[in-house]
Amino acid sequence: MDPFKILLVNHIVAGTIAFIVAPVALIVKKGSASHRLWGKVFFYSMLIVAITAVIMAPCTTIFS
């Protein structure tokens, strides 16, 4: 598997996790331990999405 596909898989998985976890973080009581936990999971998932997007973006213009 080439590096681009590895980044793409990580991007998709992290985005899916963020998409699923976001409503959970919004539903639980603000300030609770579970709110902080799910908020951190969401934050780091979105961080992975952003980093992989920045790395992959120049590659898509090269290969297209």
PDB file of N, CA and C in Angstrom:
ATOM      1  N   MET A   1       0.859  -1.177   0.000  1.00  0.00           N
ATOM      2  CA  MET A   1       0.000   0.000   0.000  1.00  0.00           C
ATOM      3  C   MET A   1       0.907   1.243   0.000  1.00  0.00           C
ATOM      4  N   ASP A   2       0.606   2.171  -0.873  1.00  0.00           N
ATOM      5  CA  ASP A   2       1.446   3.369  -0.948  1.00  0.00           C
ATOM      6  C   ASP A   2       1.102   4.369   0.165  1.00  0.00           C
ATOM      7  N   PRO A   3       2.003   5.296   0.446  1.00  0.00           N
ATOM      8  CA  PRO A   3       1.799   6.240   1.560  1.00  0.00           C
ATOM      9  C   PRO A   3       0.523   7.072   1.425  1.00  0.00           C
ATOM     10  N   PHE A   4       0.145   7.436   0.204  1.00  0.00           N
ATOM     11  CA  PHE A   4      -1.074   8.226   0.010  1.00  0.00           C
ATOM     12  C   PHE A   4      -2.307   7.454   0.475  1.00  0.00           C
ATOM     13  N   LYS A   5      -2.376   6.178   0.123  1.00  0.00           N
ATOM     14  CA  LYS A   5      -3.532   5.369   0.527  1.00  0.00           C
ATOM     15  C   LYS A   5      -3.572   5.171   2.035  1.00  0.00           C
ATOM     16  N   ILE A   6      -2.410   5.035   2.659  1.00  0.00           N
ATOM     17  CA  ILE A   6      -2.363   4.915   4.117  1.00  0.00           C
ATOM     18  C   ILE A   6      -2.900   6.190   4.769  1.00  0.00           C
ATOM     19  N   LEU A   7      -2.464   7.341   4.262  1.00  0.00           N
ATOM     20  CA  LEU A   7      -2.974   8.613   4.781  1.00  0.00           C
ATOM     21  C   LEU A   7      -4.472   8.743   4.538  1.00  0.00           C
ATOM     22  N   LEU A   8      -4.927   8.315   3.368  1.00  0.00           N
ATOM     23  CA  LEU A   8      -6.346   8.404   3.032  1.00  0.00           C
ATOM     24  C   LEU A   8      -7.193   7.542   3.966  1.00  0.00           C
ATOM     25  N   VAL A   9      -6.732   6.336   4.243  1.00  0.00           N
ATOM     26  CA  VAL A   9      -7.464   5.450   5.163  1.00  0.00           C
ATOM     27  C   VAL A   9      -7.521   6.072   6.555  1.00  0.00           C
ATOM     28  N   ASN A  10      -6.389   6.613   7.034  1.00  0.00           N
ATOM     29  CA  ASN A  10      -6.371   7.270   8.344  1.00  0.00           C
ATOM     30  C   ASN A  10      -7.307   8.477   8.355  1.00  0.00           C
ATOM     31  N   HIS A  11      -7.335   9.232   7.279  1.00  0.00           N
ATOM     32  CA  HIS A  11      -8.203  10.401   7.145  1.00  0.00           C
ATOM     33  C   HIS A  11      -9.678   9.992   7.239  1.00  0.00           C
ATOM     34  N   ILE A  12     -10.029   8.944   6.536  1.00  0.00           N
ATOM     35  CA  ILE A  12     -11.420   8.476   6.526  1.00  0.00           C
ATOM     36  C   ILE A  12     -11.826   7.913   7.885  1.00  0.00           C
ATOM     37  N   VAL A  13     -10.953   7.117   8.482  1.00  0.00           N
ATOM     38  CA  VAL A  13     -11.264   6.520   9.796  1.00  0.00           C
ATOM     39  C   VAL A  13     -11.420   7.613  10.858  1.00  0.00           C
ATOM     40  N   ALA A  14     -10.487   8.564  10.889  1.00  0.00           N
ATOM     41  CA  ALA A  14     -10.562   9.649  11.877  1.00  0.00           C
ATOM     42  C   ALA A  14     -11.799  10.509  11.655  1.00  0.00           C
ATOM     43  N   GLY A  15     -12.137  10.765  10.402  1.00  0.00           N
ATOM     44  CA  GLY A  15     -13.344  11.539  10.109  1.00  0.00           C
ATOM     45  C   GLY A  15     -14.611  10.822  10.531  1.00  0.00           C
ATOM     46  N   THR A  16     -14.634   9.521  10.340  1.00  0.00           N
ATOM     47  CA  THR A  16     -15.795   8.724  10.762  1.00  0.00           C
ATOM     48  C   THR A  16     -15.931   8.733  12.278  1.00  0.00           C
ATOM     49  N   ILE A  17     -14.816   8.580  12.964  1.00  0.00           N
ATOM     50  CA  ILE A  17     -14.849   8.621  14.434  1.00  0.00           C
ATOM     51  C   ILE A  17     -15.361   9.978  14.907  1.00  0.00           C
ATOM     52  N   ALA A  18     -14.850  11.059  14.327  1.00  0.00           N
ATOM     53  CA  ALA A  18     -15.292  12.403  14.723  1.00  0.00           C
ATOM     54  C   ALA A  18     -16.777  12.582  14.445  1.00  0.00           C
ATOM     55  N   PHE A  19     -17.243  12.072  13.317  1.00  0.00           N
ATOM     56  CA  PHE A  19     -18.652  12.194  12.944  1.00  0.00           C
ATOM     57  C   PHE A  19     -19.565  11.463  13.922  1.00  0.00           C
ATOM     58  N   ILE A  20     -19.114  10.322  14.404  1.00  0.00           N
ATOM     59  CA  ILE A  20     -19.918   9.527  15.338  1.00  0.00           C
ATOM     60  C   ILE A  20     -19.846  10.089  16.755  1.00  0.00           C
ATOM     61  N   VAL A  21     -18.678  10.585  17.152  1.00  0.00           N
ATOM     62  CA  VAL A  21     -18.451  11.031  18.530  1.00  0.00           C
ATOM     63  C   VAL A  21     -19.024  12.423  18.801  1.00  0.00           C
ATOM     64  N   ALA A  22     -19.106  13.264  17.804  1.00  0.00           N
ATOM     65  CA  ALA A  22     -19.570  14.646  18.008  1.00  0.00           C
ATOM     66  C   ALA A  22     -20.935  14.722  18.694  1.00  0.00           C
ATOM     67  N   PRO A  23     -21.938  13.986  18.238  1.00  0.00           N
ATOM     68  CA  PRO A  23     -23.232  14.064  18.941  1.00  0.00           C
ATOM     69  C   PRO A  23     -23.161  13.564  20.379  1.00  0.00           C
ATOM     70  N   VAL A  24     -22.301  12.582  20.627  1.00  0.00           N
ATOM     71  CA  VAL A  24     -22.165  12.068  21.999  1.00  0.00           C
ATOM     72  C   VAL A  24     -21.634  13.172  22.913  1.00  0.00           C
ATOM     73  N   ALA A  25     -20.613  13.881  22.437  1.00  0.00           N
ATOM     74  CA  ALA A  25     -20.040  14.968  23.237  1.00  0.00           C
ATOM     75  C   ALA A  25     -21.066  16.074  23.466  1.00  0.00           C
ATOM     76  N   LEU A  26     -21.970  16.262  22.527  1.00  0.00           N
ATOM     77  CA  LEU A  26     -22.991  17.297  22.681  1.00  0.00           C
ATOM     78  C   LEU A  26     -24.135  16.869  23.596  1.00  0.00           C
ATOM     79  N   ILE A  27     -24.410  15.572  23.648  1.00  0.00           N
ATOM     80  CA  ILE A  27     -25.558  15.082  24.428  1.00  0.00           C
ATOM     81  C   ILE A  27     -25.247  15.003  25.919  1.00  0.00           C
ATOM     82  N   VAL A  28     -24.047  14.540  26.260  1.00  0.00           N
ATOM     83  CA  VAL A  28     -23.727  14.371  27.685  1.00  0.00           C
ATOM     84  C   VAL A  28     -23.599  15.733  28.367  1.00  0.00           C
ATOM     85  N   LYS A  29     -23.745  15.729  29.679  1.00  0.00           N
ATOM     86  CA  LYS A  29     -23.734  16.968  30.442  1.00  0.00           C
ATOM     87  C   LYS A  29     -22.405  17.706  30.314  1.00  0.00           C
ATOM     88  N   LYS A  30     -22.476  18.992  30.012  1.00  0.00           N
ATOM     89  CA  LYS A  30     -21.281  19.803  29.835  1.00  0.00           C
ATOM     90  C   LYS A  30     -20.471  19.845  31.130  1.00  0.00           C
ATOM     91  N   GLY A  31     -19.158  19.655  30.988  1.00  0.00           N
ATOM     92  CA  GLY A  31     -18.265  19.701  32.140  1.00  0.00           C
ATOM     93  C   GLY A  31     -18.059  18.364  32.812  1.00  0.00           C
ATOM     94  N   SER A  32     -18.877  17.367  32.454  1.00  0.00           N
ATOM     95  CA  SER A  32     -18.722  16.049  33.079  1.00  0.00           C
ATOM     96  C   SER A  32     -17.487  15.344  32.515  1.00  0.00           C
ATOM     97  N   ALA A  33     -17.101  14.279  33.188  1.00  0.00           N
ATOM     98  CA  ALA A  33     -15.928  13.521  32.743  1.00  0.00           C
ATOM     99  C   ALA A  33     -16.158  12.926  31.353  1.00  0.00           C
ATOM    100  N   SER A  34     -17.353  12.444  31.101  1.00  0.00           N
ATOM    101  CA  SER A  34     -17.630  11.858  29.788  1.00  0.00           C
ATOM    102  C   SER A  34     -17.636  12.930  28.699  1.00  0.00           C
ATOM    103  N   HIS A  35     -18.106  14.135  29.025  1.00  0.00           N
ATOM    104  CA  HIS A  35     -18.078  15.238  28.058  1.00  0.00           C
ATOM    105  C   HIS A  35     -16.634  15.578  27.685  1.00  0.00           C
ATOM    106  N   ARG A  36     -15.775  15.631  28.667  1.00  0.00           N
ATOM    107  CA  ARG A  36     -14.358  15.924  28.402  1.00  0.00           C
ATOM    108  C   ARG A  36     -13.699  14.800  27.598  1.00  0.00           C
ATOM    109  N   LEU A  37     -14.022  13.555  27.946  1.00  0.00           N
ATOM    110  CA  LEU A  37     -13.458  12.417  27.229  1.00  0.00           C
ATOM    111  C   LEU A  37     -13.855  12.442  25.756  1.00  0.00           C
ATOM    112  N   TRP A  38     -15.174  12.548  25.492  1.00  0.00           N
ATOM    113  CA  TRP A  38     -15.645  12.521  24.106  1.00  0.00           C
ATOM    114  C   TRP A  38     -15.212  13.780  23.350  1.00  0.00           C
ATOM    115  N   GLY A  39     -15.077  14.881  24.052  1.00  0.00           N
ATOM    116  CA  GLY A  39     -14.569  16.099  23.426  1.00  0.00           C
ATOM    117  C   GLY A  39     -13.122  15.937  22.988  1.00  0.00           C
ATOM    118  N   LYS A  40     -12.317  15.274  23.805  1.00  0.00           N
ATOM    119  CA  LYS A  40     -10.915  15.024  23.441  1.00  0.00           C
ATOM    120  C   LYS A  40     -10.815  14.048  22.272  1.00  0.00           C
ATOM    121  N   VAL A  41     -11.652  13.015  22.284  1.00  0.00           N
ATOM    122  CA  VAL A  41     -11.660  12.070  21.160  1.00  0.00           C
ATOM    123  C   VAL A  41     -12.023  12.811  19.873  1.00  0.00           C
ATOM    124  N   PHE A  42     -13.037  13.660  19.941  1.00  0.00           N
ATOM    125  CA  PHE A  42     -13.439  14.447  18.777  1.00  0.00           C
ATOM    126  C   PHE A  42     -12.308  15.369  18.324  1.00  0.00           C
ATOM    127  N   PHE A  43     -11.693  16.071  19.267  1.00  0.00           N
ATOM    128  CA  PHE A  43     -10.631  17.015  18.943  1.00  0.00           C
ATOM    129  C   PHE A  43      -9.466  16.318  18.241  1.00  0.00           C
ATOM    130  N   TYR A  44      -8.989  15.223  18.812  1.00  0.00           N
ATOM    131  CA  TYR A  44      -7.839  14.543  18.222  1.00  0.00           C
ATOM    132  C   TYR A  44      -8.187  13.862  16.898  1.00  0.00           C
ATOM    133  N   SER A  45      -9.407  13.397  16.764  1.00  0.00           N
ATOM    134  CA  SER A  45      -9.835  12.849  15.475  1.00  0.00           C
ATOM    135  C   SER A  45      -9.816  13.931  14.403  1.00  0.00           C
ATOM    136  N   MET A  46     -10.342  15.101  14.737  1.00  0.00           N
ATOM    137  CA  MET A  46     -10.340  16.196  13.771  1.00  0.00           C
ATOM    138  C   MET A  46      -8.923  16.694  13.494  1.00  0.00           C
ATOM    139  N   LEU A  47      -8.051  16.621  14.483  1.00  0.00           N
ATOM    140  CA  LEU A  47      -6.655  16.996  14.271  1.00  0.00           C
ATOM    141  C   LEU A  47      -6.002  16.063  13.248  1.00  0.00           C
ATOM    142  N   ILE A  48      -6.271  14.776  13.365  1.00  0.00           N
ATOM    143  CA  ILE A  48      -5.753  13.817  12.395  1.00  0.00           C
ATOM    144  C   ILE A  48      -6.325  14.094  11.007  1.00  0.00           C
ATOM    145  N   VAL A  49      -7.609  14.411  10.942  1.00  0.00           N
ATOM    146  CA  VAL A  49      -8.231  14.746   9.654  1.00  0.00           C
ATOM    147  C   VAL A  49      -7.533  15.946   9.022  1.00  0.00           C
ATOM    148  N   ALA A  50      -7.290  16.973   9.809  1.00  0.00           N
ATOM    149  CA  ALA A  50      -6.661  18.185   9.283  1.00  0.00           C
ATOM    150  C   ALA A  50      -5.225  17.924   8.840  1.00  0.00           C
ATOM    151  N   ILE A  51      -4.460  17.214   9.640  1.00  0.00           N
ATOM    152  CA  ILE A  51      -3.059  16.953   9.293  1.00  0.00           C
ATOM    153  C   ILE A  51      -2.956  16.100   8.033  1.00  0.00           C
ATOM    154  N   THR A  52      -3.757  15.044   7.958  1.00  0.00           N
ATOM    155  CA  THR A  52      -3.702  14.202   6.762  1.00  0.00           C
ATOM    156  C   THR A  52      -4.179  14.962   5.529  1.00  0.00           C
ATOM    157  N   ALA A  53      -5.148  15.857   5.688  1.00  0.00           N
ATOM    158  CA  ALA A  53      -5.620  16.650   4.550  1.00  0.00           C
ATOM    159  C   ALA A  53      -4.531  17.579   4.034  1.00  0.00           C
ATOM    160  N   VAL A  54      -3.813  18.207   4.941  1.00  0.00           N
ATOM    161  CA  VAL A  54      -2.734  19.124   4.538  1.00  0.00           C
ATOM    162  C   VAL A  54      -1.620  18.350   3.824  1.00  0.00           C
ATOM    163  N   ILE A  55      -1.326  17.160   4.300  1.00  0.00           N
ATOM    164  CA  ILE A  55      -0.274  16.350   3.667  1.00  0.00           C
ATOM    165  C   ILE A  55      -0.737  15.842   2.301  1.00  0.00           C
ATOM    166  N   MET A  56      -1.982  15.423   2.196  1.00  0.00           N
ATOM    167  CA  MET A  56      -2.472  14.836   0.947  1.00  0.00           C
ATOM    168  C   MET A  56      -2.806  15.870  -0.125  1.00  0.00           C
ATOM    169  N   ALA A  57      -3.149  17.078   0.251  1.00  0.00           N
ATOM    170  CA  ALA A  57      -3.602  18.076  -0.713  1.00  0.00           C
ATOM    171  C   ALA A  57      -2.615  18.335  -1.853  1.00  0.00           C
ATOM    172  N   PRO A  58      -1.341  18.549  -1.575  1.00  0.00           N
ATOM    173  CA  PRO A  58      -0.399  18.756  -2.697  1.00  0.00           C
ATOM    174  C   PRO A  58      -0.262  17.519  -3.583  1.00  0.00           C
ATOM    175  N   CYS A  59      -0.421  16.344  -2.994  1.00  0.00           N
ATOM    176  CA  CYS A  59      -0.283  15.098  -3.763  1.00  0.00           C
ATOM    177  C   CYS A  59      -1.412  14.938  -4.779  1.00  0.00           C
ATOM    178  N   THR A  60      -2.601  15.410  -4.461  1.00  0.00           N
ATOM    179  CA  THR A  60      -3.718  15.257  -5.380  1.00  0.00           C
ATOM    180  C   THR A  60      -3.526  16.120  -6.614  1.00  0.00           C
ATOM    181  N   THR A  61      -2.883  17.271  -6.486  1.00  0.00           N
ATOM    182  CA  THR A  61      -2.644  18.118  -7.656  1.00  0.00           C
ATOM    183  C   THR A  61      -1.539  17.540  -8.527  1.00  0.00           C
ATOM    184  N   ILE A  62      -0.619  16.813  -7.922  1.00  0.00           N
ATOM    185  CA  ILE A  62       0.476  16.203  -8.679  1.00  0.00           C
ATOM    186  C   ILE A  62      -0.032  15.021  -9.490  1.00  0.00           C
ATOM    187  N   PHE A  63      -0.898  14.214  -8.892  1.00  0.00           N
ATOM    188  CA  PHE A  63      -1.346  12.985  -9.535  1.00  0.00           C
ATOM    189  C   PHE A  63      -2.551  13.149 -10.449  1.00  0.00           C
ATOM    190  N   SER A  64      -3.178  14.304 -10.454  1.00  0.00           N
ATOM    191  CA  SER A  64      -4.362  14.462 -11.302  1.00  0.00           C
ATOM    192  C   SER A  64      -4.029  15.117 -12.617  1.00  0.00           C
TER     193      SER A  64
END
